[in-house]
Amino acid sequence: MPPLFHPWLREARLAALRGGGWRRWRGGLAMLAAIAAAGPLLRAFGGESAALPAAVPRLIAQLPLPFALLALACAYASARARLGALDDRLRHGWWAAAPIAPARIARTLVLLAALGVAAALSATAALLLALGGDGARLRTAFAVLAAGLVPGVALGLAAALHQRRRPAQRVREGAREPLFGLRWLDDARLPHLSDWQRREALLRWRRGGHAWMIGAVLMALPGSTALASGAGVLLIATALAWFSLLAQACAAASVAAARALAALPVPRRGFARAAWRYPAFAFACACALAALGAGLLGLGWRAAPAWLVAVALLCLPALAALRAGARR
């Protein structure tokens, strides 16, 4: 390993060669592959769904500022979280006992940020090509997203490096009491599992999780949008944001509950039945909310495949977490 960088890079390369890197990134890679396959899949349905893939690059080209700001915010949040966590692990983990200069950690973070920018730009270009459309609009859409991704990663790197001077303080956990009681959803044999899922989802939602989806939709709406159309789009975006966050919260709570009950003779089928009660109810509520939004927009039943594809893509991280927890 060159003395410019941290020897953690060699450790990460060895872990990747042994399959550890694939297991860590398979959820994100699966999501990218699913998004890339969504364009041909929606075109196969025909009707209103077939026009959606080509409409995305056109919308980005028509509204460059909102999408550039959205890309900047997402890149900043991701880079700050990942680089900050790695910096904290290298300085306070088991690598802290090694006689390594702090400058090598900083150079390693810069290298990883550059690699992250290259990977994000490559993935963006591949996804835009999969969506299809006019070549000029695809180039414009790529330039808009790149104008947000590159400075976003740079700002995230700067924030991660500045974080070592001012360590983040742990905030108090918010209230987890649900607004409505849903005791009839509790399973008789595992009565606290669905309550755990509800409280975890509620805490993440009140922290502002997935609020960027709703904000992105609000910023992308033209000023001349009718009130009914704007309300319909907002209802559909809220349903997608809420259910995707709830699916991830339910998956995390289910994995934690399975670990806590590992020593007890709990049947796997009974545990799965109890774990799916609240997500199934939430999916029905999200579908009802999306149907109301589709009614305000005047969309027919042909838009249902697009809704289901969007739900499946956004729930891929939750499914990946469930599979990883089941294997453990």
C-alpha atoms as a PDB file:
ATOM      1  CA  MET A   1       0.000   0.000   0.000  1.00  0.00           C
ATOM      2  CA  PRO A   2       1.473   3.421  -0.912  1.00  0.00           C
ATOM      3  CA  PRO A   3       2.252   5.534   2.164  1.00  0.00           C
ATOM      4  CA  LEU A   4      -0.057   8.271   0.883  1.00  0.00           C
ATOM      5  CA  PHE A   5      -3.206   6.350   1.849  1.00  0.00           C
ATOM      6  CA  HIS A   6      -4.511   4.374   4.791  1.00  0.00           C
ATOM      7  CA  PRO A   7      -3.855   0.595   4.794  1.00  0.00           C
ATOM      8  CA  TRP A   8      -7.608   0.124   5.301  1.00  0.00           C
ATOM      9  CA  LEU A   9      -7.864   0.266   1.509  1.00  0.00           C
ATOM     10  CA  ARG A  10      -5.913  -2.972   1.262  1.00  0.00           C
ATOM     11  CA  GLU A  11      -8.149  -4.559   3.871  1.00  0.00           C
ATOM     12  CA  ALA A  12     -11.235  -3.461   1.935  1.00  0.00           C
ATOM     13  CA  ARG A  13      -9.787  -4.860  -1.311  1.00  0.00           C
ATOM     14  CA  LEU A  14      -9.132  -8.238   0.304  1.00  0.00           C
ATOM     15  CA  ALA A  15     -12.639  -8.289   1.759  1.00  0.00           C
ATOM     16  CA  ALA A  16     -14.090  -7.479  -1.664  1.00  0.00           C
ATOM     17  CA  LEU A  17     -12.111 -10.285  -3.306  1.00  0.00           C
ATOM     18  CA  ARG A  18     -13.506 -12.718  -0.731  1.00  0.00           C
ATOM     19  CA  GLY A  19     -17.090 -11.640  -1.374  1.00  0.00           C
ATOM     20  CA  GLY A  20     -17.585  -9.226   1.500  1.00  0.00           C
ATOM     21  CA  GLY A  21     -17.820  -6.195  -0.760  1.00  0.00           C
ATOM     22  CA  TRP A  22     -20.536  -7.788  -2.882  1.00  0.00           C
ATOM     23  CA  ARG A  23     -22.619  -8.636   0.182  1.00  0.00           C
ATOM     24  CA  ARG A  24     -22.300  -5.061   1.418  1.00  0.00           C
ATOM     25  CA  TRP A  25     -23.304  -3.413  -1.848  1.00  0.00           C
ATOM     26  CA  ARG A  26     -25.689  -5.968  -3.306  1.00  0.00           C
ATOM     27  CA  GLY A  27     -28.768  -4.050  -2.099  1.00  0.00           C
ATOM     28  CA  GLY A  28     -27.727  -0.877  -3.911  1.00  0.00           C
ATOM     29  CA  LEU A  29     -26.633  -2.778  -7.013  1.00  0.00           C
ATOM     30  CA  ALA A  30     -29.936  -4.639  -7.078  1.00  0.00           C
ATOM     31  CA  MET A  31     -31.809  -1.334  -6.853  1.00  0.00           C
ATOM     32  CA  LEU A  32     -29.793   0.160  -9.723  1.00  0.00           C
ATOM     33  CA  ALA A  33     -30.421  -2.931 -11.848  1.00  0.00           C
ATOM     34  CA  ALA A  34     -34.133  -2.807 -11.063  1.00  0.00           C
ATOM     35  CA  ILE A  35     -34.334   0.901 -11.952  1.00  0.00           C
ATOM     36  CA  ALA A  36     -32.511   0.220 -15.210  1.00  0.00           C
ATOM     37  CA  ALA A  37     -34.974  -2.584 -16.018  1.00  0.00           C
ATOM     38  CA  ALA A  38     -37.979  -0.427 -15.084  1.00  0.00           C
ATOM     39  CA  GLY A  39     -37.880   1.489 -18.372  1.00  0.00           C
ATOM     40  CA  PRO A  40     -38.290  -1.515 -20.711  1.00  0.00           C
ATOM     41  CA  LEU A  41     -40.753  -3.069 -18.261  1.00  0.00           C
ATOM     42  CA  LEU A  42     -43.011  -0.008 -18.222  1.00  0.00           C
ATOM     43  CA  ARG A  43     -42.863   0.226 -22.011  1.00  0.00           C
ATOM     44  CA  ALA A  44     -44.012  -3.373 -22.214  1.00  0.00           C
ATOM     45  CA  PHE A  45     -47.223  -2.517 -20.331  1.00  0.00           C
ATOM     46  CA  GLY A  46     -48.175   0.099 -22.913  1.00  0.00           C
ATOM     47  CA  GLY A  47     -50.673   2.880 -22.378  1.00  0.00           C
ATOM     48  CA  GLU A  48     -49.890   5.587 -19.844  1.00  0.00           C
ATOM     49  CA  SER A  49     -47.085   3.596 -18.229  1.00  0.00           C
ATOM     50  CA  ALA A  50     -45.076   3.431 -21.484  1.00  0.00           C
ATOM     51  CA  ALA A  51     -44.640   7.215 -21.560  1.00  0.00           C
ATOM     52  CA  LEU A  52     -43.193   7.482 -18.057  1.00  0.00           C
ATOM     53  CA  PRO A  53     -39.539   6.444 -18.727  1.00  0.00           C
ATOM     54  CA  ALA A  54     -38.948   9.007 -21.476  1.00  0.00           C
ATOM     55  CA  ALA A  55     -40.766  11.679 -19.438  1.00  0.00           C
ATOM     56  CA  VAL A  56     -38.160  11.609 -16.662  1.00  0.00           C
ATOM     57  CA  PRO A  57     -35.195  12.973 -18.717  1.00  0.00           C
ATOM     58  CA  ARG A  58     -37.517  15.494 -20.344  1.00  0.00           C
ATOM     59  CA  LEU A  59     -38.710  16.706 -16.947  1.00  0.00           C
ATOM     60  CA  ILE A  60     -35.123  17.013 -15.696  1.00  0.00           C
ATOM     61  CA  ALA A  61     -34.168  19.040 -18.762  1.00  0.00           C
ATOM     62  CA  GLN A  62     -37.190  21.335 -18.344  1.00  0.00           C
ATOM     63  CA  LEU A  63     -36.648  21.901 -14.603  1.00  0.00           C
ATOM     64  CA  PRO A  64     -32.870  21.885 -14.111  1.00  0.00           C
ATOM     65  CA  LEU A  65     -32.637  23.812 -10.833  1.00  0.00           C
ATOM     66  CA  PRO A  66     -34.912  21.593  -8.671  1.00  0.00           C
ATOM     67  CA  PHE A  67     -33.292  18.374  -9.872  1.00  0.00           C
ATOM     68  CA  ALA A  68     -29.779  19.777  -9.511  1.00  0.00           C
ATOM     69  CA  LEU A  69     -30.581  20.792  -5.937  1.00  0.00           C
ATOM     70  CA  LEU A  70     -32.093  17.358  -5.268  1.00  0.00           C
ATOM     71  CA  ALA A  71     -28.991  15.605  -6.611  1.00  0.00           C
ATOM     72  CA  LEU A  72     -26.788  17.914  -4.544  1.00  0.00           C
ATOM     73  CA  ALA A  73     -28.756  17.206  -1.363  1.00  0.00           C
ATOM     74  CA  CYS A  74     -28.734  13.416  -1.874  1.00  0.00           C
ATOM     75  CA  ALA A  75     -25.020  13.353  -2.741  1.00  0.00           C
ATOM     76  CA  TYR A  76     -24.171  15.555   0.236  1.00  0.00           C
ATOM     77  CA  ALA A  77     -26.159  13.435   2.701  1.00  0.00           C
ATOM     78  CA  SER A  78     -24.762  10.148   1.406  1.00  0.00           C
ATOM     79  CA  ALA A  79     -21.142  11.337   1.223  1.00  0.00           C
ATOM     80  CA  ARG A  80     -21.240  12.951   4.656  1.00  0.00           C
ATOM     81  CA  ALA A  81     -22.782   9.895   6.320  1.00  0.00           C
ATOM     82  CA  ARG A  82     -20.515   7.300   4.703  1.00  0.00           C
ATOM     83  CA  LEU A  83     -17.247   9.234   4.821  1.00  0.00           C
ATOM     84  CA  GLY A  84     -17.940  10.482   8.324  1.00  0.00           C
ATOM     85  CA  ALA A  85     -18.656   6.969   9.581  1.00  0.00           C
ATOM     86  CA  LEU A  86     -15.467   5.643   7.962  1.00  0.00           C
ATOM     87  CA  ASP A  87     -13.401   8.500   9.399  1.00  0.00           C
ATOM     88  CA  ASP A  88     -14.798   7.819  12.867  1.00  0.00           C
ATOM     89  CA  ARG A  89     -14.095   4.096  12.519  1.00  0.00           C
ATOM     90  CA  LEU A  90     -10.507   4.646  11.383  1.00  0.00           C
ATOM     91  CA  ARG A  91      -9.760   7.123  14.161  1.00  0.00           C
ATOM     92  CA  HIS A  92     -11.577   5.389  17.025  1.00  0.00           C
ATOM     93  CA  GLY A  93     -11.847   1.745  15.956  1.00  0.00           C
ATOM     94  CA  TRP A  94      -9.214  -0.950  16.125  1.00  0.00           C
ATOM     95  CA  TRP A  95      -7.142   0.965  13.537  1.00  0.00           C
ATOM     96  CA  ALA A  96      -6.683   3.754  16.109  1.00  0.00           C
ATOM     97  CA  ALA A  97      -3.846   1.815  17.783  1.00  0.00           C
ATOM     98  CA  ALA A  98      -1.816   1.732  14.551  1.00  0.00           C
ATOM     99  CA  PRO A  99       0.890   4.401  14.089  1.00  0.00           C
ATOM    100  CA  ILE A 100      -0.742   6.045  11.073  1.00  0.00           C
ATOM    101  CA  ALA A 101      -0.599   9.764  10.382  1.00  0.00           C
ATOM    102  CA  PRO A 102      -4.007  11.533  10.342  1.00  0.00           C
ATOM    103  CA  ALA A 103      -3.143  13.015   6.942  1.00  0.00           C
ATOM    104  CA  ARG A 104      -3.298   9.531   5.403  1.00  0.00           C
ATOM    105  CA  ILE A 105      -6.882   9.187   6.625  1.00  0.00           C
ATOM    106  CA  ALA A 106      -7.795  12.514   5.028  1.00  0.00           C
ATOM    107  CA  ARG A 107      -6.181  11.523   1.712  1.00  0.00           C
ATOM    108  CA  THR A 108      -8.028   8.207   1.826  1.00  0.00           C
ATOM    109  CA  LEU A 109     -11.336   9.996   2.259  1.00  0.00           C
ATOM    110  CA  VAL A 110     -10.531  12.270  -0.687  1.00  0.00           C
ATOM    111  CA  LEU A 111      -9.709   9.235  -2.842  1.00  0.00           C
ATOM    112  CA  LEU A 112     -12.936   7.488  -1.860  1.00  0.00           C
ATOM    113  CA  ALA A 113     -14.928  10.652  -2.581  1.00  0.00           C
ATOM    114  CA  ALA A 114     -13.403  10.836  -6.071  1.00  0.00           C
ATOM    115  CA  LEU A 115     -14.217   7.178  -6.695  1.00  0.00           C
ATOM    116  CA  GLY A 116     -17.736   7.776  -5.423  1.00  0.00           C
ATOM    117  CA  VAL A 117     -18.226  10.663  -7.840  1.00  0.00           C
ATOM    118  CA  ALA A 118     -17.034   8.512 -10.740  1.00  0.00           C
ATOM    119  CA  ALA A 119     -19.353   5.673  -9.737  1.00  0.00           C
ATOM    120  CA  ALA A 120     -22.333   8.021  -9.278  1.00  0.00           C
ATOM    121  CA  LEU A 121     -21.795   9.649 -12.688  1.00  0.00           C
ATOM    122  CA  SER A 122     -21.469   6.251 -14.374  1.00  0.00           C
ATOM    123  CA  ALA A 123     -24.635   4.966 -12.704  1.00  0.00           C
ATOM    124  CA  THR A 124     -26.502   8.165 -13.656  1.00  0.00           C
ATOM    125  CA  ALA A 125     -25.470   7.837 -17.301  1.00  0.00           C
ATOM    126  CA  ALA A 126     -26.486   4.165 -17.379  1.00  0.00           C
ATOM    127  CA  LEU A 127     -29.889   4.875 -15.816  1.00  0.00           C
ATOM    128  CA  LEU A 128     -30.625   7.726 -18.208  1.00  0.00           C
ATOM    129  CA  LEU A 129     -29.717   5.529 -21.185  1.00  0.00           C
ATOM    130  CA  ALA A 130     -32.019   2.815 -19.817  1.00  0.00           C
ATOM    131  CA  LEU A 131     -34.890   5.297 -19.534  1.00  0.00           C
ATOM    132  CA  GLY A 132     -34.402   6.332 -23.155  1.00  0.00           C
ATOM    133  CA  GLY A 133     -35.523   9.437 -24.971  1.00  0.00           C
ATOM    134  CA  ASP A 134     -34.019  12.104 -27.187  1.00  0.00           C
ATOM    135  CA  GLY A 135     -30.215  12.246 -27.185  1.00  0.00           C
ATOM    136  CA  ALA A 136     -30.023  16.005 -26.568  1.00  0.00           C
ATOM    137  CA  ARG A 137     -32.377  15.768 -23.601  1.00  0.00           C
ATOM    138  CA  LEU A 138     -30.415  12.855 -22.182  1.00  0.00           C
ATOM    139  CA  ARG A 139     -27.201  14.885 -22.349  1.00  0.00           C
ATOM    140  CA  THR A 140     -28.917  17.872 -20.747  1.00  0.00           C
ATOM    141  CA  ALA A 141     -30.368  15.706 -17.982  1.00  0.00           C
ATOM    142  CA  PHE A 142     -26.960  14.159 -17.317  1.00  0.00           C
ATOM    143  CA  ALA A 143     -25.338  17.603 -17.131  1.00  0.00           C
ATOM    144  CA  VAL A 144     -28.011  18.785 -14.678  1.00  0.00           C
ATOM    145  CA  LEU A 145     -27.569  15.787 -12.377  1.00  0.00           C
ATOM    146  CA  ALA A 146     -23.774  15.949 -12.633  1.00  0.00           C
ATOM    147  CA  ALA A 147     -23.899  19.631 -11.662  1.00  0.00           C
ATOM    148  CA  GLY A 148     -25.534  18.541  -8.415  1.00  0.00           C
ATOM    149  CA  LEU A 149     -23.643  15.318  -7.722  1.00  0.00           C
ATOM    150  CA  VAL A 150     -20.085  16.658  -7.941  1.00  0.00           C
ATOM    151  CA  PRO A 151     -20.447  19.628  -5.556  1.00  0.00           C
ATOM    152  CA  GLY A 152     -22.685  17.558  -3.286  1.00  0.00           C
ATOM    153  CA  VAL A 153     -19.980  14.935  -2.769  1.00  0.00           C
ATOM    154  CA  ALA A 154     -17.376  17.686  -2.299  1.00  0.00           C
ATOM    155  CA  LEU A 155     -19.488  19.377   0.371  1.00  0.00           C
ATOM    156  CA  GLY A 156     -20.121  16.025   2.060  1.00  0.00           C
ATOM    157  CA  LEU A 157     -16.387  15.348   2.144  1.00  0.00           C
ATOM    158  CA  ALA A 158     -15.734  18.771   3.668  1.00  0.00           C
ATOM    159  CA  ALA A 159     -18.419  18.187   6.289  1.00  0.00           C
ATOM    160  CA  ALA A 160     -16.987  14.753   7.150  1.00  0.00           C
ATOM    161  CA  LEU A 161     -13.515  16.221   7.590  1.00  0.00           C
ATOM    162  CA  HIS A 162     -14.886  19.086   9.689  1.00  0.00           C
ATOM    163  CA  GLN A 163     -16.862  16.670  11.857  1.00  0.00           C
ATOM    164  CA  ARG A 164     -13.695  15.427  13.583  1.00  0.00           C
ATOM    165  CA  ARG A 165     -13.266  18.885  15.099  1.00  0.00           C
ATOM    166  CA  ARG A 166     -16.828  19.030  16.399  1.00  0.00           C
ATOM    167  CA  PRO A 167     -18.142  15.529  17.128  1.00  0.00           C
ATOM    168  CA  ALA A 168     -21.853  15.189  16.664  1.00  0.00           C
ATOM    169  CA  GLN A 169     -23.833  14.991  19.891  1.00  0.00           C
ATOM    170  CA  ARG A 170     -26.401  12.245  20.254  1.00  0.00           C
ATOM    171  CA  VAL A 171     -29.865  13.764  20.187  1.00  0.00           C
ATOM    172  CA  ARG A 172     -32.713  12.602  22.353  1.00  0.00           C
ATOM    173  CA  GLU A 173     -35.042  10.076  20.856  1.00  0.00           C
ATOM    174  CA  GLY A 174     -38.429  11.447  19.925  1.00  0.00           C
ATOM    175  CA  ALA A 175     -41.810  10.268  21.091  1.00  0.00           C
ATOM    176  CA  ARG A 176     -42.802   6.868  19.752  1.00  0.00           C
ATOM    177  CA  GLU A 177     -46.447   6.796  20.818  1.00  0.00           C
ATOM    178  CA  PRO A 178     -48.656   6.230  17.739  1.00  0.00           C
ATOM    179  CA  LEU A 179     -51.479   8.650  17.039  1.00  0.00           C
ATOM    180  CA  PHE A 180     -54.008   5.831  16.581  1.00  0.00           C
ATOM    181  CA  GLY A 181     -54.041   2.532  18.441  1.00  0.00           C
ATOM    182  CA  LEU A 182     -54.040  -0.575  16.225  1.00  0.00           C
ATOM    183  CA  ARG A 183     -54.147  -3.309  18.833  1.00  0.00           C
ATOM    184  CA  TRP A 184     -56.290  -5.497  16.600  1.00  0.00           C
ATOM    185  CA  LEU A 185     -53.251  -5.917  14.324  1.00  0.00           C
ATOM    186  CA  ASP A 186     -51.216  -7.580  17.079  1.00  0.00           C
ATOM    187  CA  ASP A 187     -50.642 -11.293  16.759  1.00  0.00           C
ATOM    188  CA  ALA A 188     -51.796 -13.340  19.760  1.00  0.00           C
ATOM    189  CA  ARG A 189     -48.514 -15.289  19.981  1.00  0.00           C
ATOM    190  CA  LEU A 190     -46.187 -12.336  19.284  1.00  0.00           C
ATOM    191  CA  PRO A 191     -48.228  -9.325  20.421  1.00  0.00           C
ATOM    192  CA  HIS A 192     -45.348  -6.850  20.616  1.00  0.00           C
ATOM    193  CA  LEU A 193     -43.834  -7.348  17.167  1.00  0.00           C
ATOM    194  CA  SER A 194     -46.259  -5.168  15.208  1.00  0.00           C
ATOM    195  CA  ASP A 195     -46.130  -2.555  17.985  1.00  0.00           C
ATOM    196  CA  TRP A 196     -42.328  -2.529  17.664  1.00  0.00           C
ATOM    197  CA  GLN A 197     -42.671  -2.052  13.901  1.00  0.00           C
ATOM    198  CA  ARG A 198     -45.161   0.793  14.310  1.00  0.00           C
ATOM    199  CA  ARG A 199     -42.997   2.638  16.825  1.00  0.00           C
ATOM    200  CA  GLU A 200     -39.841   2.251  14.715  1.00  0.00           C
ATOM    201  CA  ALA A 201     -41.639   3.509  11.603  1.00  0.00           C
ATOM    202  CA  LEU A 202     -43.181   6.389  13.540  1.00  0.00           C
ATOM    203  CA  LEU A 203     -39.817   7.475  14.946  1.00  0.00           C
ATOM    204  CA  ARG A 204     -38.185   7.446  11.516  1.00  0.00           C
ATOM    205  CA  TRP A 205     -41.081   9.345   9.971  1.00  0.00           C
ATOM    206  CA  ARG A 206     -41.042  12.023  12.685  1.00  0.00           C
ATOM    207  CA  ARG A 207     -37.300  12.416  12.210  1.00  0.00           C
ATOM    208  CA  GLY A 208     -38.003  13.483   8.634  1.00  0.00           C
ATOM    209  CA  GLY A 209     -37.099  10.257   6.890  1.00  0.00           C
ATOM    210  CA  HIS A 210     -37.827  10.220   3.146  1.00  0.00           C
ATOM    211  CA  ALA A 211     -39.081  13.803   3.325  1.00  0.00           C
ATOM    212  CA  TRP A 212     -36.749  14.529   0.400  1.00  0.00           C
ATOM    213  CA  MET A 213     -39.125  12.615  -1.890  1.00  0.00           C
ATOM    214  CA  ILE A 214     -42.026  14.917  -1.071  1.00  0.00           C
ATOM    215  CA  GLY A 215     -39.796  17.984  -1.298  1.00  0.00           C
ATOM    216  CA  ALA A 216     -38.478  16.895  -4.685  1.00  0.00           C
ATOM    217  CA  VAL A 217     -42.010  16.485  -6.010  1.00  0.00           C
ATOM    218  CA  LEU A 218     -43.040  19.893  -4.695  1.00  0.00           C
ATOM    219  CA  MET A 219     -40.013  21.550  -6.295  1.00  0.00           C
ATOM    220  CA  ALA A 220     -40.580  19.769  -9.598  1.00  0.00           C
ATOM    221  CA  LEU A 221     -44.213  20.859  -9.907  1.00  0.00           C
ATOM    222  CA  PRO A 222     -44.649  23.720 -12.399  1.00  0.00           C
ATOM    223  CA  GLY A 223     -46.231  26.907 -11.113  1.00  0.00           C
ATOM    224  CA  SER A 224     -49.183  26.525 -13.474  1.00  0.00           C
ATOM    225  CA  THR A 225     -50.234  23.167 -12.029  1.00  0.00           C
ATOM    226  CA  ALA A 226     -53.926  22.961 -11.162  1.00  0.00           C
ATOM    227  CA  LEU A 227     -54.894  22.497  -7.515  1.00  0.00           C
ATOM    228  CA  ALA A 228     -56.442  19.065  -8.058  1.00  0.00           C
ATOM    229  CA  SER A 229     -53.467  17.817 -10.080  1.00  0.00           C
ATOM    230  CA  GLY A 230     -50.969  19.104  -7.540  1.00  0.00           C
ATOM    231  CA  ALA A 231     -52.894  17.467  -4.698  1.00  0.00           C
ATOM    232  CA  GLY A 232     -52.996  14.173  -6.613  1.00  0.00           C
ATOM    233  CA  VAL A 233     -49.250  14.173  -7.265  1.00  0.00           C
ATOM    234  CA  LEU A 234     -48.575  15.079  -3.631  1.00  0.00           C
ATOM    235  CA  LEU A 235     -50.796  12.241  -2.371  1.00  0.00           C
ATOM    236  CA  ILE A 236     -49.015   9.690  -4.555  1.00  0.00           C
ATOM    237  CA  ALA A 237     -45.573  10.976  -3.500  1.00  0.00           C
ATOM    238  CA  THR A 238     -46.582  10.904   0.171  1.00  0.00           C
ATOM    239  CA  ALA A 239     -47.840   7.343  -0.146  1.00  0.00           C
ATOM    240  CA  LEU A 240     -44.588   6.233  -1.786  1.00  0.00           C
ATOM    241  CA  ALA A 241     -42.376   8.034   0.731  1.00  0.00           C
ATOM    242  CA  TRP A 242     -44.345   6.804   3.749  1.00  0.00           C
ATOM    243  CA  PHE A 243     -44.619   3.165   2.713  1.00  0.00           C
ATOM    244  CA  SER A 244     -41.006   2.848   1.567  1.00  0.00           C
ATOM    245  CA  LEU A 245     -39.812   4.238   4.908  1.00  0.00           C
ATOM    246  CA  LEU A 246     -42.246   2.002   6.776  1.00  0.00           C
ATOM    247  CA  ALA A 247     -41.015  -1.078   4.901  1.00  0.00           C
ATOM    248  CA  GLN A 248     -37.425  -0.361   5.906  1.00  0.00           C
ATOM    249  CA  ALA A 249     -38.444   0.286   9.527  1.00  0.00           C
ATOM    250  CA  CYS A 250     -40.482  -2.919   9.669  1.00  0.00           C
ATOM    251  CA  ALA A 251     -37.600  -4.909   8.187  1.00  0.00           C
ATOM    252  CA  ALA A 252     -35.163  -3.500  10.751  1.00  0.00           C
ATOM    253  CA  ALA A 253     -37.560  -4.201  13.629  1.00  0.00           C
ATOM    254  CA  SER A 254     -38.227  -7.741  12.381  1.00  0.00           C
ATOM    255  CA  VAL A 255     -34.517  -8.537  12.102  1.00  0.00           C
ATOM    256  CA  ALA A 256     -33.883  -7.147  15.597  1.00  0.00           C
ATOM    257  CA  ALA A 257     -36.819  -9.116  17.006  1.00  0.00           C
ATOM    258  CA  ALA A 258     -35.588 -12.323  15.354  1.00  0.00           C
ATOM    259  CA  ARG A 259     -32.179 -11.854  16.986  1.00  0.00           C
ATOM    260  CA  ALA A 260     -33.763 -11.160  20.376  1.00  0.00           C
ATOM    261  CA  LEU A 261     -35.960 -14.274  20.136  1.00  0.00           C
ATOM    262  CA  ALA A 262     -33.269 -16.541  18.670  1.00  0.00           C
ATOM    263  CA  ALA A 263     -33.036 -18.596  21.877  1.00  0.00           C
ATOM    264  CA  LEU A 264     -36.804 -19.176  22.103  1.00  0.00           C
ATOM    265  CA  PRO A 265     -38.746 -21.919  20.265  1.00  0.00           C
ATOM    266  CA  VAL A 266     -40.610 -19.551  17.970  1.00  0.00           C
ATOM    267  CA  PRO A 267     -41.876 -21.193  14.736  1.00  0.00           C
ATOM    268  CA  ARG A 268     -40.507 -19.467  11.644  1.00  0.00           C
ATOM    269  CA  ARG A 269     -43.870 -19.538   9.900  1.00  0.00           C
ATOM    270  CA  GLY A 270     -45.616 -17.998  12.899  1.00  0.00           C
ATOM    271  CA  PHE A 271     -42.984 -15.288  13.178  1.00  0.00           C
ATOM    272  CA  ALA A 272     -43.325 -14.451   9.474  1.00  0.00           C
ATOM    273  CA  ARG A 273     -47.124 -14.325   9.818  1.00  0.00           C
ATOM    274  CA  ALA A 274     -46.875 -11.901  12.720  1.00  0.00           C
ATOM    275  CA  ALA A 275     -44.200  -9.783  10.991  1.00  0.00           C
ATOM    276  CA  TRP A 276     -46.260  -9.270   7.823  1.00  0.00           C
ATOM    277  CA  ARG A 277     -49.489  -8.137   9.507  1.00  0.00           C
ATOM    278  CA  TYR A 278     -48.648  -4.460   9.912  1.00  0.00           C
ATOM    279  CA  PRO A 279     -46.772  -4.029   6.571  1.00  0.00           C
ATOM    280  CA  ALA A 280     -49.715  -5.615   4.725  1.00  0.00           C
ATOM    281  CA  PHE A 281     -52.143  -3.227   6.417  1.00  0.00           C
ATOM    282  CA  ALA A 282     -49.857  -0.288   5.638  1.00  0.00           C
ATOM    283  CA  PHE A 283     -49.629  -1.368   1.986  1.00  0.00           C
ATOM    284  CA  ALA A 284     -53.425  -1.349   1.746  1.00  0.00           C
ATOM    285  CA  CYS A 285     -53.504   2.169   3.254  1.00  0.00           C
ATOM    286  CA  ALA A 286     -50.796   3.378   0.854  1.00  0.00           C
ATOM    287  CA  CYS A 287     -52.685   1.926  -2.120  1.00  0.00           C
ATOM    288  CA  ALA A 288     -55.864   3.695  -1.004  1.00  0.00           C
ATOM    289  CA  LEU A 289     -53.997   6.996  -0.693  1.00  0.00           C
ATOM    290  CA  ALA A 290     -52.368   6.525  -4.107  1.00  0.00           C
ATOM    291  CA  ALA A 291     -55.727   5.606  -5.648  1.00  0.00           C
ATOM    292  CA  LEU A 292     -57.178   8.839  -4.310  1.00  0.00           C
ATOM    293  CA  GLY A 293     -54.295  10.763  -5.857  1.00  0.00           C
ATOM    294  CA  ALA A 294     -54.717   8.919  -9.167  1.00  0.00           C
ATOM    295  CA  GLY A 295     -58.416   9.814  -9.130  1.00  0.00           C
ATOM    296  CA  LEU A 296     -57.575  13.499  -8.716  1.00  0.00           C
ATOM    297  CA  LEU A 297     -55.135  13.237 -11.631  1.00  0.00           C
ATOM    298  CA  GLY A 298     -57.649  11.404 -13.800  1.00  0.00           C
ATOM    299  CA  LEU A 299     -55.397   8.364 -14.254  1.00  0.00           C
ATOM    300  CA  GLY A 300     -56.899   5.020 -15.124  1.00  0.00           C
ATOM    301  CA  TRP A 301     -56.079   1.551 -13.926  1.00  0.00           C
ATOM    302  CA  ARG A 302     -53.187   1.382 -16.414  1.00  0.00           C
ATOM    303  CA  ALA A 303     -51.138   3.545 -14.055  1.00  0.00           C
ATOM    304  CA  ALA A 304     -51.259   0.799 -11.405  1.00  0.00           C
ATOM    305  CA  PRO A 305     -48.188  -1.073 -12.805  1.00  0.00           C
ATOM    306  CA  ALA A 306     -46.120   2.113 -12.547  1.00  0.00           C
ATOM    307  CA  TRP A 307     -47.173   2.477  -8.902  1.00  0.00           C
ATOM    308  CA  LEU A 308     -46.304  -1.134  -8.119  1.00  0.00           C
ATOM    309  CA  VAL A 309     -42.918  -0.841  -9.863  1.00  0.00           C
ATOM    310  CA  ALA A 310     -42.104   2.308  -7.876  1.00  0.00           C
ATOM    311  CA  VAL A 311     -43.087   0.600  -4.608  1.00  0.00           C
ATOM    312  CA  ALA A 312     -40.977  -2.454  -5.448  1.00  0.00           C
ATOM    313  CA  LEU A 313     -37.915  -0.329  -6.281  1.00  0.00           C
ATOM    314  CA  LEU A 314     -38.172   1.729  -3.117  1.00  0.00           C
ATOM    315  CA  CYS A 315     -38.640  -1.392  -0.962  1.00  0.00           C
ATOM    316  CA  LEU A 316     -35.566  -3.197  -2.308  1.00  0.00           C
ATOM    317  CA  PRO A 317     -33.348  -2.034   0.617  1.00  0.00           C
ATOM    318  CA  ALA A 318     -35.875  -3.476   3.060  1.00  0.00           C
ATOM    319  CA  LEU A 319     -35.962  -6.812   1.241  1.00  0.00           C
ATOM    320  CA  ALA A 320     -32.156  -6.913   1.156  1.00  0.00           C
ATOM    321  CA  ALA A 321     -32.056  -6.277   4.922  1.00  0.00           C
ATOM    322  CA  LEU A 322     -34.555  -9.081   5.496  1.00  0.00           C
ATOM    323  CA  ARG A 323     -32.496 -11.525   3.447  1.00  0.00           C
ATOM    324  CA  ALA A 324     -29.290 -10.567   5.232  1.00  0.00           C
ATOM    325  CA  GLY A 325     -30.986 -10.942   8.610  1.00  0.00           C
ATOM    326  CA  ALA A 326     -32.440 -14.339   7.681  1.00  0.00           C
ATOM    327  CA  ARG A 327     -29.007 -15.653   6.676  1.00  0.00           C
ATOM    328  CA  ARG A 328     -27.478 -14.513   9.933  1.00  0.00           C
END
